[in-house]
Amino acid sequence: MASSMTIGYLNGEFADLASLRIPVLDRGFLFGDAVYEVIPVYQGRPFRSEFHYQRLQRSLAQIHMDAVLDREHWDSLVHDLIERNGGGSMAVYLQISRGAESVRNHLIPKGLAPTVFGMTAALKSRSPEVLERGLQVITREDTRWDRCDIKSTSLLANILLYSEAHEQHAQECLLHREGQLTEGSSSSVFVVRNGRIYAPPYGPEILPGTTRDLVAELCEANGTPVRVGPIDMQELADADEIWLASATRELLPVTRVDGHAVGDGHPGPLWRAIDTRFQEYKQESAND
């Protein structure tokens, strides 16, 4: 893996990230009028990229933008970024904004050339301490907008909540609306009670999770299917296990919520079983 991933892509050009420039009137910069996607890469191979492309196209459609590139061109762009940044394991970040006008304009214009940006970042190995002890999280009211199912770059509420968690010496913030669990500020959530695995239902307030969907597939194959339905905060408090899932952090156990132990305060047996299968699946995909 490259020690320094400095090569980015902008509108057809590969160059050092420090040299890439967007116009100050780009709508992504002015309004957050943009969407993004993050694809994990293991041993130089994008992981479940087809599902990430599908979500990217869904996000574009939801903000009334046409497809920018087809699958073949996305594949080519992603592989070029991987190779130009040394190969190995990393995360590929893709962002598409509606483009730049000659004025600042709230009205969505027609016919703008979109801004397409890509870069890579190191994919951090999971900490042995976290795998042994689990994560600490806090809970907060979900103050984000009402279209969290769009993977928009408008993440101010998310980063404020995530930063508050770290200020409280926690690693994530779990969110709720009207007493119902939604998701983490940067992750999907699973709750285990009495040997059963639960997840909140998808809807406008929850981003469809590519890693969550994979975990659900692995749970099904393990004979412990995920039951999708509303989860109230008391059920979260009474959980035997809580898991977080995301593209760059994979599947991690939560062992403390708002200072209180989850179950016996240690990563649980179901998490260990599903995470083992996740790691096997990841290796199989890299070797395929």
Protein backbone atom coordinates (compact mmCIF):
# COMPACT_ATOMS: atom_id res chain seq x y z
CA MET A 1 0.00 0.00 0.00
CA ALA A 2 1.27 3.49 -0.79
CA SER A 3 2.59 5.33 2.24
CA SER A 4 1.11 8.57 0.95
CA MET A 5 -1.95 8.55 -1.27
CA THR A 6 -1.62 11.84 -3.08
CA ILE A 7 -3.04 11.25 -6.57
CA GLY A 8 -6.58 12.41 -7.15
CA TYR A 9 -8.93 12.75 -10.10
CA LEU A 10 -10.92 15.79 -11.20
CA ASN A 11 -12.96 16.01 -14.39
CA GLY A 12 -10.73 13.80 -16.52
CA GLU A 13 -7.39 14.71 -14.99
CA PHE A 14 -5.22 12.72 -12.59
CA ALA A 15 -2.88 14.92 -10.57
CA ASP A 16 -1.51 15.54 -7.12
CA LEU A 17 -4.37 16.34 -4.77
CA ALA A 18 -2.74 19.59 -3.71
CA SER A 19 -2.87 20.86 -7.29
CA LEU A 20 -6.53 20.05 -8.04
CA ARG A 21 -8.95 23.00 -8.02
CA ILE A 22 -12.70 23.48 -8.32
CA PRO A 23 -14.39 26.80 -9.16
CA VAL A 24 -15.54 28.76 -6.12
CA LEU A 25 -19.04 28.80 -7.63
CA ASP A 26 -19.26 25.01 -7.74
CA ARG A 27 -22.63 24.06 -6.26
CA GLY A 28 -21.09 21.32 -4.17
CA PHE A 29 -18.91 23.93 -2.48
CA LEU A 30 -21.68 26.54 -2.11
CA PHE A 31 -24.69 24.39 -1.26
CA GLY A 32 -23.54 20.83 -0.62
CA ASP A 33 -25.36 20.09 -3.91
CA ALA A 34 -23.42 16.88 -4.36
CA VAL A 35 -23.38 13.18 -3.51
CA TYR A 36 -20.56 10.79 -2.73
CA GLU A 37 -19.63 7.16 -2.30
CA VAL A 38 -16.84 5.29 -0.50
CA ILE A 39 -15.61 1.92 -1.79
CA PRO A 40 -13.29 -0.23 0.34
CA VAL A 41 -10.43 -1.92 -1.49
CA TYR A 42 -8.64 -5.07 -0.27
CA GLN A 43 -5.46 -6.34 -1.90
CA GLY A 44 -6.03 -3.94 -4.78
CA ARG A 45 -9.57 -5.16 -5.49
CA PRO A 46 -12.71 -3.06 -4.92
CA PHE A 47 -15.03 -4.77 -2.44
CA ARG A 48 -18.66 -5.22 -3.58
CA SER A 49 -18.27 -2.24 -5.87
CA GLU A 50 -21.46 -3.02 -7.80
CA PHE A 51 -23.54 -2.23 -4.71
CA HIS A 52 -21.70 1.03 -4.15
CA TYR A 53 -22.28 2.06 -7.76
CA GLN A 54 -25.96 1.23 -7.41
CA ARG A 55 -26.23 3.42 -4.32
CA LEU A 56 -24.34 6.22 -6.05
CA GLN A 57 -26.73 6.11 -9.00
CA ARG A 58 -29.68 6.09 -6.61
CA SER A 59 -28.35 9.17 -4.82
CA LEU A 60 -27.86 10.97 -8.14
CA ALA A 61 -31.41 10.12 -9.21
CA GLN A 62 -32.78 11.37 -5.88
CA ILE A 63 -31.22 14.82 -6.45
CA HIS A 64 -32.41 14.82 -10.08
CA MET A 65 -29.07 14.28 -11.76
CA ASP A 66 -28.53 11.94 -14.68
CA ALA A 67 -25.99 9.13 -14.52
CA VAL A 68 -22.55 10.69 -14.93
CA LEU A 69 -20.57 7.60 -15.93
CA ASP A 70 -21.58 4.05 -16.78
CA ARG A 71 -20.33 1.03 -14.85
CA GLU A 72 -17.41 0.40 -17.19
CA HIS A 73 -16.11 3.96 -16.79
CA TRP A 74 -16.55 3.94 -13.00
CA ASP A 75 -14.59 0.68 -12.88
CA SER A 76 -11.83 2.20 -14.99
CA LEU A 77 -11.65 5.34 -12.85
CA VAL A 78 -11.56 3.39 -9.60
CA HIS A 79 -8.87 0.99 -10.83
CA ASP A 80 -6.76 3.91 -12.10
CA LEU A 81 -6.97 5.57 -8.69
CA ILE A 82 -5.97 2.34 -6.98
CA GLU A 83 -2.97 1.78 -9.26
CA ARG A 84 -1.79 5.40 -9.20
CA ASN A 85 -1.85 5.32 -5.39
CA GLY A 86 0.20 2.17 -4.97
CA GLY A 87 -2.39 -0.60 -4.82
CA GLY A 88 -3.05 -2.69 -1.74
CA SER A 89 -5.82 -1.87 0.72
CA MET A 90 -7.43 1.55 0.75
CA ALA A 91 -10.71 3.42 0.47
CA VAL A 92 -11.74 5.09 -2.79
CA TYR A 93 -13.81 8.25 -2.39
CA LEU A 94 -15.99 9.45 -5.29
CA GLN A 95 -17.91 12.73 -5.30
CA ILE A 96 -20.17 14.26 -7.94
CA SER A 97 -21.51 17.78 -7.68
CA ARG A 98 -24.03 19.43 -9.99
CA GLY A 99 -21.25 21.68 -11.30
CA ALA A 100 -20.51 25.41 -11.40
CA GLU A 101 -22.53 28.36 -12.69
CA SER A 102 -21.47 31.93 -13.32
CA VAL A 103 -23.56 33.15 -10.36
CA ARG A 104 -24.70 31.86 -6.97
CA ASN A 105 -28.21 30.57 -7.63
CA HIS A 106 -30.58 28.70 -5.32
CA LEU A 107 -32.66 27.47 -8.27
CA ILE A 108 -31.40 24.17 -9.67
CA PRO A 109 -30.13 24.96 -13.17
CA LYS A 110 -30.32 22.70 -16.19
CA GLY A 111 -27.46 21.62 -18.40
CA LEU A 112 -24.51 22.14 -16.06
CA ALA A 113 -21.46 19.96 -16.54
CA PRO A 114 -21.08 17.97 -13.31
CA THR A 115 -17.91 18.04 -11.26
CA VAL A 116 -16.50 14.53 -10.80
CA PHE A 117 -13.83 14.08 -8.13
CA GLY A 118 -12.05 11.00 -6.80
CA MET A 119 -9.30 10.24 -4.32
CA THR A 120 -8.03 7.47 -2.09
CA ALA A 121 -7.30 7.21 1.62
CA ALA A 122 -5.58 4.68 3.81
CA LEU A 123 -7.87 1.97 5.13
CA LYS A 124 -6.96 1.65 8.78
CA SER A 125 -6.61 -1.82 10.24
CA ARG A 126 -9.08 -2.59 12.99
CA SER A 127 -7.55 -2.09 16.40
CA PRO A 128 -6.94 -5.32 18.38
CA GLU A 129 -8.03 -3.38 21.48
CA VAL A 130 -11.39 -2.52 19.88
CA LEU A 131 -11.91 -6.13 18.80
CA GLU A 132 -11.17 -7.27 22.35
CA ARG A 133 -12.96 -4.54 24.32
CA GLY A 134 -15.50 -3.09 21.89
CA LEU A 135 -16.56 0.49 21.28
CA GLN A 136 -18.09 3.12 23.50
CA VAL A 137 -20.96 5.15 22.05
CA ILE A 138 -23.31 7.89 23.14
CA THR A 139 -26.94 8.46 22.09
CA ARG A 140 -28.43 11.72 20.87
CA GLU A 141 -31.57 13.03 19.19
CA ASP A 142 -31.28 12.72 15.41
CA THR A 143 -30.96 16.35 14.29
CA ARG A 144 -30.18 15.63 10.64
CA TRP A 145 -32.39 16.54 7.68
CA ASP A 146 -35.23 14.30 6.52
CA ARG A 147 -33.54 12.75 3.48
CA CYS A 148 -30.74 10.77 5.07
CA ASP A 149 -31.32 8.03 2.49
CA ILE A 150 -29.42 10.24 0.01
CA LYS A 151 -25.64 9.97 0.44
CA SER A 152 -25.23 13.72 0.27
CA THR A 153 -22.09 15.68 1.07
CA SER A 154 -24.24 17.89 3.35
CA LEU A 155 -22.89 16.24 6.50
CA LEU A 156 -22.69 19.12 8.99
CA ALA A 157 -25.14 17.55 11.47
CA ASN A 158 -23.36 14.19 11.18
CA ILE A 159 -19.93 15.63 11.89
CA LEU A 160 -21.21 17.70 14.83
CA LEU A 161 -22.74 14.57 16.39
CA TYR A 162 -19.68 12.44 15.61
CA SER A 163 -17.38 15.09 17.06
CA GLU A 164 -19.51 15.33 20.20
CA ALA A 165 -19.11 11.59 20.68
CA HIS A 166 -15.33 11.91 20.52
CA GLU A 167 -15.40 14.82 22.94
CA GLN A 168 -17.17 12.41 25.32
CA HIS A 169 -14.38 9.81 24.76
CA ALA A 170 -16.74 7.66 22.67
CA GLN A 171 -16.26 6.41 19.12
CA GLU A 172 -19.75 6.89 17.66
CA CYS A 173 -23.08 8.58 18.26
CA LEU A 174 -26.26 6.50 17.91
CA LEU A 175 -29.27 8.54 16.82
CA HIS A 176 -32.98 8.38 17.56
CA ARG A 177 -36.16 10.13 16.45
CA GLU A 178 -39.25 10.14 18.64
CA GLY A 179 -37.74 7.37 20.72
CA GLN A 180 -36.91 5.12 17.74
CA LEU A 181 -33.34 4.16 16.82
CA THR A 182 -32.28 5.28 13.34
CA GLU A 183 -28.53 4.76 12.78
CA GLY A 184 -25.12 6.02 13.82
CA SER A 185 -23.71 9.35 12.72
CA SER A 186 -21.39 7.37 10.38
CA SER A 187 -22.63 3.78 10.58
CA SER A 188 -25.52 1.32 10.47
CA VAL A 189 -26.67 -0.36 13.69
CA PHE A 190 -27.68 -3.90 14.65
CA VAL A 191 -29.19 -4.90 18.01
CA VAL A 192 -29.07 -8.46 19.40
CA ARG A 193 -31.58 -9.62 22.02
CA ASN A 194 -32.23 -13.20 23.12
CA GLY A 195 -30.25 -14.62 20.21
CA ARG A 196 -32.15 -12.61 17.60
CA ILE A 197 -30.66 -9.84 15.45
CA TYR A 198 -32.63 -6.68 14.72
CA ALA A 199 -32.11 -3.64 12.47
CA PRO A 200 -34.20 -0.49 11.96
CA PRO A 201 -36.23 -0.35 8.74
CA TYR A 202 -34.90 1.62 5.79
CA GLY A 203 -36.67 4.88 5.03
CA PRO A 204 -35.91 8.55 4.38
CA GLU A 205 -34.21 8.86 7.78
CA ILE A 206 -31.70 6.01 7.19
CA LEU A 207 -29.02 5.56 4.54
CA PRO A 208 -29.21 2.13 2.87
CA GLY A 209 -25.99 0.48 4.02
CA THR A 210 -23.90 -1.63 1.64
CA THR A 211 -22.05 -3.18 4.58
CA ARG A 212 -25.29 -3.57 6.55
CA ASP A 213 -26.77 -5.49 3.61
CA LEU A 214 -23.74 -7.77 3.45
CA VAL A 215 -23.93 -8.43 7.19
CA ALA A 216 -27.61 -9.31 6.78
CA GLU A 217 -26.67 -11.81 4.05
CA LEU A 218 -24.05 -13.38 6.31
CA CYS A 219 -26.51 -13.58 9.21
CA GLU A 220 -29.02 -15.33 6.97
CA ALA A 221 -26.38 -17.84 5.90
CA ASN A 222 -25.51 -18.36 9.58
CA GLY A 223 -29.10 -19.31 10.39
CA THR A 224 -29.75 -16.09 12.36
CA PRO A 225 -31.64 -13.82 9.94
CA VAL A 226 -31.91 -10.12 10.68
CA ARG A 227 -35.40 -9.01 11.72
CA VAL A 228 -36.12 -5.55 10.33
CA GLY A 229 -38.48 -3.33 12.30
CA PRO A 230 -38.69 -0.35 14.65
CA ILE A 231 -36.33 -0.46 17.63
CA ASP A 232 -37.12 1.78 20.57
CA MET A 233 -34.44 3.13 22.85
CA GLN A 234 -35.41 0.85 25.72
CA GLU A 235 -34.73 -2.14 23.47
CA LEU A 236 -31.33 -0.63 22.73
CA ALA A 237 -30.68 -0.24 26.47
CA ASP A 238 -31.67 -3.89 27.06
CA ALA A 239 -29.58 -5.30 24.20
CA ASP A 240 -27.29 -8.28 24.68
CA GLU A 241 -25.09 -7.10 21.81
CA ILE A 242 -24.90 -4.01 19.60
CA TRP A 243 -22.95 -3.88 16.33
CA LEU A 244 -21.90 -1.05 14.04
CA ALA A 245 -21.37 -1.58 10.31
CA SER A 246 -19.71 0.72 7.78
CA ALA A 247 -17.64 0.44 4.61
CA THR A 248 -14.36 1.49 6.22
CA ARG A 249 -14.82 0.04 9.73
CA GLU A 250 -16.52 -3.21 8.64
CA LEU A 251 -18.40 -4.79 11.60
CA LEU A 252 -17.53 -3.71 15.14
CA PRO A 253 -19.02 -4.49 18.57
CA VAL A 254 -20.36 -1.85 20.96
CA THR A 255 -19.83 -2.66 24.64
CA ARG A 256 -20.86 0.59 26.35
CA VAL A 257 -23.74 2.99 25.62
CA ASP A 258 -23.90 6.28 27.50
CA GLY A 259 -21.52 4.80 30.06
CA HIS A 260 -23.56 1.62 30.65
CA ALA A 261 -22.35 -1.86 29.74
CA VAL A 262 -23.96 -3.73 26.85
CA GLY A 263 -24.66 -7.29 27.99
CA ASP A 264 -21.67 -8.46 30.01
CA GLY A 265 -19.56 -5.57 28.76
CA HIS A 266 -17.60 -7.66 26.24
CA PRO A 267 -18.00 -8.34 22.50
CA GLY A 268 -20.65 -11.02 22.17
CA PRO A 269 -20.59 -14.50 20.63
CA LEU A 270 -22.92 -13.67 17.74
CA TRP A 271 -20.73 -10.73 16.74
CA ARG A 272 -17.66 -12.98 16.83
CA ALA A 273 -19.38 -15.57 14.63
CA ILE A 274 -20.62 -13.08 12.02
CA ASP A 275 -17.39 -11.07 12.03
CA THR A 276 -15.41 -14.27 11.43
CA ARG A 277 -17.62 -14.99 8.43
CA PHE A 278 -17.22 -11.37 7.26
CA GLN A 279 -13.43 -11.70 7.30
CA GLU A 280 -13.64 -15.00 5.42
CA TYR A 281 -15.93 -13.46 2.82
CA LYS A 282 -13.59 -10.50 2.43
CA GLN A 283 -10.63 -12.80 1.82
CA GLU A 284 -12.60 -14.93 -0.61
CA SER A 285 -13.58 -11.81 -2.57
CA ALA A 286 -9.99 -10.58 -2.73
CA ASN A 287 -8.81 -13.97 -4.01
CA ASP A 288 -11.67 -14.54 -6.47
